[in-house]
Amino acid sequence: MLTIESTGGFVAGINGAVLFALLIGLGAYLGWHWGFRSFLTVTLASIIGYFVFVSGG
């Protein structure tokens, strides 16, 4: 869950799954942009594995 509050400043609460997905997405984008398309396969496998085995999805 991503929570953003605007009272008295900017506060963003990000749980582990969202942070993991953001970092994996950034890695996939950079890998694709730099031409390392094989990294995309590893990235997608990591995402699927995380959500199936760790998140209980």
N, C-alpha and C. Protein backbone atom coordinates (compact mmCIF):
# COMPACT_ATOMS: atom_id res chain seq x y z
N MET A 1 0.84 -1.17 0.00
CA MET A 1 0.00 0.00 0.00
C MET A 1 0.88 1.24 0.00
N LEU A 2 0.48 2.21 -0.74
CA LEU A 2 1.19 3.49 -0.80
C LEU A 2 0.32 4.53 -0.14
N THR A 3 0.82 5.16 0.91
CA THR A 3 0.07 6.17 1.63
C THR A 3 0.81 7.50 1.54
N ILE A 4 0.09 8.53 1.12
CA ILE A 4 0.68 9.87 1.03
C ILE A 4 -0.17 10.82 1.86
N GLU A 5 0.46 11.51 2.78
CA GLU A 5 -0.23 12.48 3.62
C GLU A 5 0.36 13.86 3.36
N SER A 6 -0.50 14.87 3.36
CA SER A 6 -0.02 16.22 3.06
C SER A 6 -0.16 17.17 4.25
N THR A 7 -0.33 16.66 5.44
CA THR A 7 -0.48 17.52 6.60
C THR A 7 0.89 17.81 7.20
N GLY A 8 1.31 19.04 7.15
CA GLY A 8 2.57 19.44 7.75
C GLY A 8 3.80 19.00 6.98
N GLY A 9 3.66 18.66 5.74
CA GLY A 9 4.80 18.22 4.94
C GLY A 9 4.46 16.97 4.17
N PHE A 10 5.43 16.50 3.43
CA PHE A 10 5.21 15.32 2.58
C PHE A 10 5.66 14.07 3.31
N VAL A 11 4.74 13.15 3.50
CA VAL A 11 5.05 11.88 4.14
C VAL A 11 4.54 10.76 3.23
N ALA A 12 5.39 9.84 2.86
CA ALA A 12 4.98 8.72 2.03
C ALA A 12 5.36 7.42 2.75
N GLY A 13 4.37 6.59 2.98
CA GLY A 13 4.61 5.28 3.59
C GLY A 13 4.48 4.21 2.52
N ILE A 14 5.53 3.46 2.29
CA ILE A 14 5.53 2.43 1.26
C ILE A 14 5.87 1.10 1.92
N ASN A 15 5.02 0.09 1.69
CA ASN A 15 5.34 -1.22 2.26
C ASN A 15 6.36 -1.94 1.39
N GLY A 16 6.80 -3.08 1.85
CA GLY A 16 7.88 -3.80 1.17
C GLY A 16 7.55 -4.24 -0.24
N ALA A 17 6.31 -4.68 -0.47
CA ALA A 17 5.93 -5.17 -1.80
C ALA A 17 5.94 -4.04 -2.83
N VAL A 18 5.45 -2.87 -2.44
CA VAL A 18 5.44 -1.73 -3.36
C VAL A 18 6.86 -1.27 -3.64
N LEU A 19 7.68 -1.18 -2.62
CA LEU A 19 9.07 -0.78 -2.80
C LEU A 19 9.80 -1.78 -3.70
N PHE A 20 9.58 -3.06 -3.47
CA PHE A 20 10.19 -4.10 -4.29
C PHE A 20 9.76 -3.96 -5.74
N ALA A 21 8.47 -3.76 -5.97
CA ALA A 21 7.95 -3.62 -7.33
C ALA A 21 8.53 -2.38 -8.02
N LEU A 22 8.66 -1.28 -7.28
CA LEU A 22 9.25 -0.07 -7.86
C LEU A 22 10.71 -0.28 -8.25
N LEU A 23 11.47 -0.92 -7.38
CA LEU A 23 12.88 -1.16 -7.68
C LEU A 23 13.05 -2.14 -8.84
N ILE A 24 12.23 -3.17 -8.88
CA ILE A 24 12.30 -4.13 -9.98
C ILE A 24 11.88 -3.45 -11.28
N GLY A 25 10.85 -2.61 -11.22
CA GLY A 25 10.42 -1.88 -12.41
C GLY A 25 11.50 -0.94 -12.92
N LEU A 26 12.17 -0.27 -12.01
CA LEU A 26 13.27 0.61 -12.40
C LEU A 26 14.40 -0.20 -13.03
N GLY A 27 14.71 -1.34 -12.45
CA GLY A 27 15.75 -2.20 -13.02
C GLY A 27 15.37 -2.72 -14.39
N ALA A 28 14.10 -3.06 -14.57
CA ALA A 28 13.64 -3.54 -15.88
C ALA A 28 13.73 -2.43 -16.92
N TYR A 29 13.33 -1.22 -16.53
CA TYR A 29 13.39 -0.10 -17.47
C TYR A 29 14.82 0.21 -17.87
N LEU A 30 15.71 0.27 -16.90
CA LEU A 30 17.10 0.58 -17.21
C LEU A 30 17.74 -0.52 -18.04
N GLY A 31 17.42 -1.77 -17.71
CA GLY A 31 17.94 -2.89 -18.49
C GLY A 31 17.47 -2.84 -19.93
N TRP A 32 16.20 -2.52 -20.13
CA TRP A 32 15.66 -2.42 -21.49
C TRP A 32 16.28 -1.23 -22.22
N HIS A 33 16.39 -0.11 -21.53
CA HIS A 33 16.92 1.11 -22.13
C HIS A 33 18.38 0.95 -22.55
N TRP A 34 19.15 0.24 -21.74
CA TRP A 34 20.58 0.07 -22.02
C TRP A 34 20.86 -1.12 -22.93
N GLY A 35 19.83 -1.84 -23.33
CA GLY A 35 20.01 -2.94 -24.26
C GLY A 35 20.21 -4.29 -23.63
N PHE A 36 20.04 -4.39 -22.32
CA PHE A 36 20.20 -5.68 -21.64
C PHE A 36 18.84 -6.35 -21.54
N ARG A 37 18.32 -6.79 -22.68
CA ARG A 37 16.98 -7.32 -22.69
C ARG A 37 16.86 -8.64 -21.96
N SER A 38 17.95 -9.34 -21.79
CA SER A 38 17.89 -10.60 -21.03
C SER A 38 17.61 -10.33 -19.56
N PHE A 39 17.94 -9.13 -19.07
CA PHE A 39 17.62 -8.79 -17.68
C PHE A 39 16.12 -8.72 -17.46
N LEU A 40 15.38 -8.38 -18.51
CA LEU A 40 13.94 -8.26 -18.38
C LEU A 40 13.32 -9.61 -18.01
N THR A 41 13.82 -10.68 -18.59
CA THR A 41 13.31 -12.02 -18.26
C THR A 41 13.57 -12.35 -16.80
N VAL A 42 14.75 -12.06 -16.32
CA VAL A 42 15.08 -12.31 -14.91
C VAL A 42 14.22 -11.43 -14.01
N THR A 43 14.01 -10.20 -14.41
CA THR A 43 13.19 -9.28 -13.62
C THR A 43 11.76 -9.79 -13.51
N LEU A 44 11.18 -10.18 -14.62
CA LEU A 44 9.80 -10.68 -14.58
C LEU A 44 9.70 -11.96 -13.76
N ALA A 45 10.67 -12.84 -13.89
CA ALA A 45 10.67 -14.07 -13.09
C ALA A 45 10.78 -13.75 -11.60
N SER A 46 11.58 -12.75 -11.26
CA SER A 46 11.72 -12.35 -9.85
C SER A 46 10.42 -11.79 -9.30
N ILE A 47 9.74 -10.97 -10.09
CA ILE A 47 8.47 -10.39 -9.66
C ILE A 47 7.43 -11.49 -9.44
N ILE A 48 7.30 -12.38 -10.41
CA ILE A 48 6.32 -13.45 -10.29
C ILE A 48 6.65 -14.35 -9.10
N GLY A 49 7.91 -14.70 -8.95
CA GLY A 49 8.32 -15.53 -7.83
C GLY A 49 8.06 -14.88 -6.49
N TYR A 50 8.32 -13.59 -6.39
CA TYR A 50 8.09 -12.87 -5.14
C TYR A 50 6.61 -12.89 -4.77
N PHE A 51 5.77 -12.53 -5.73
CA PHE A 51 4.35 -12.44 -5.42
C PHE A 51 3.71 -13.81 -5.19
N VAL A 52 4.22 -14.84 -5.81
CA VAL A 52 3.65 -16.18 -5.61
C VAL A 52 4.11 -16.78 -4.29
N PHE A 53 5.40 -16.69 -3.99
CA PHE A 53 5.94 -17.40 -2.84
C PHE A 53 6.07 -16.55 -1.58
N VAL A 54 6.34 -15.27 -1.70
CA VAL A 54 6.54 -14.44 -0.51
C VAL A 54 5.26 -13.73 -0.11
N SER A 55 4.57 -13.13 -1.07
CA SER A 55 3.36 -12.39 -0.75
C SER A 55 2.16 -13.29 -0.51
N GLY A 56 2.26 -14.54 -0.89
CA GLY A 56 1.14 -15.45 -0.70
C GLY A 56 0.07 -15.28 -1.76
N GLY A 57 0.44 -14.71 -2.91
CA GLY A 57 -0.53 -14.45 -3.97
C GLY A 57 -0.70 -15.61 -4.83
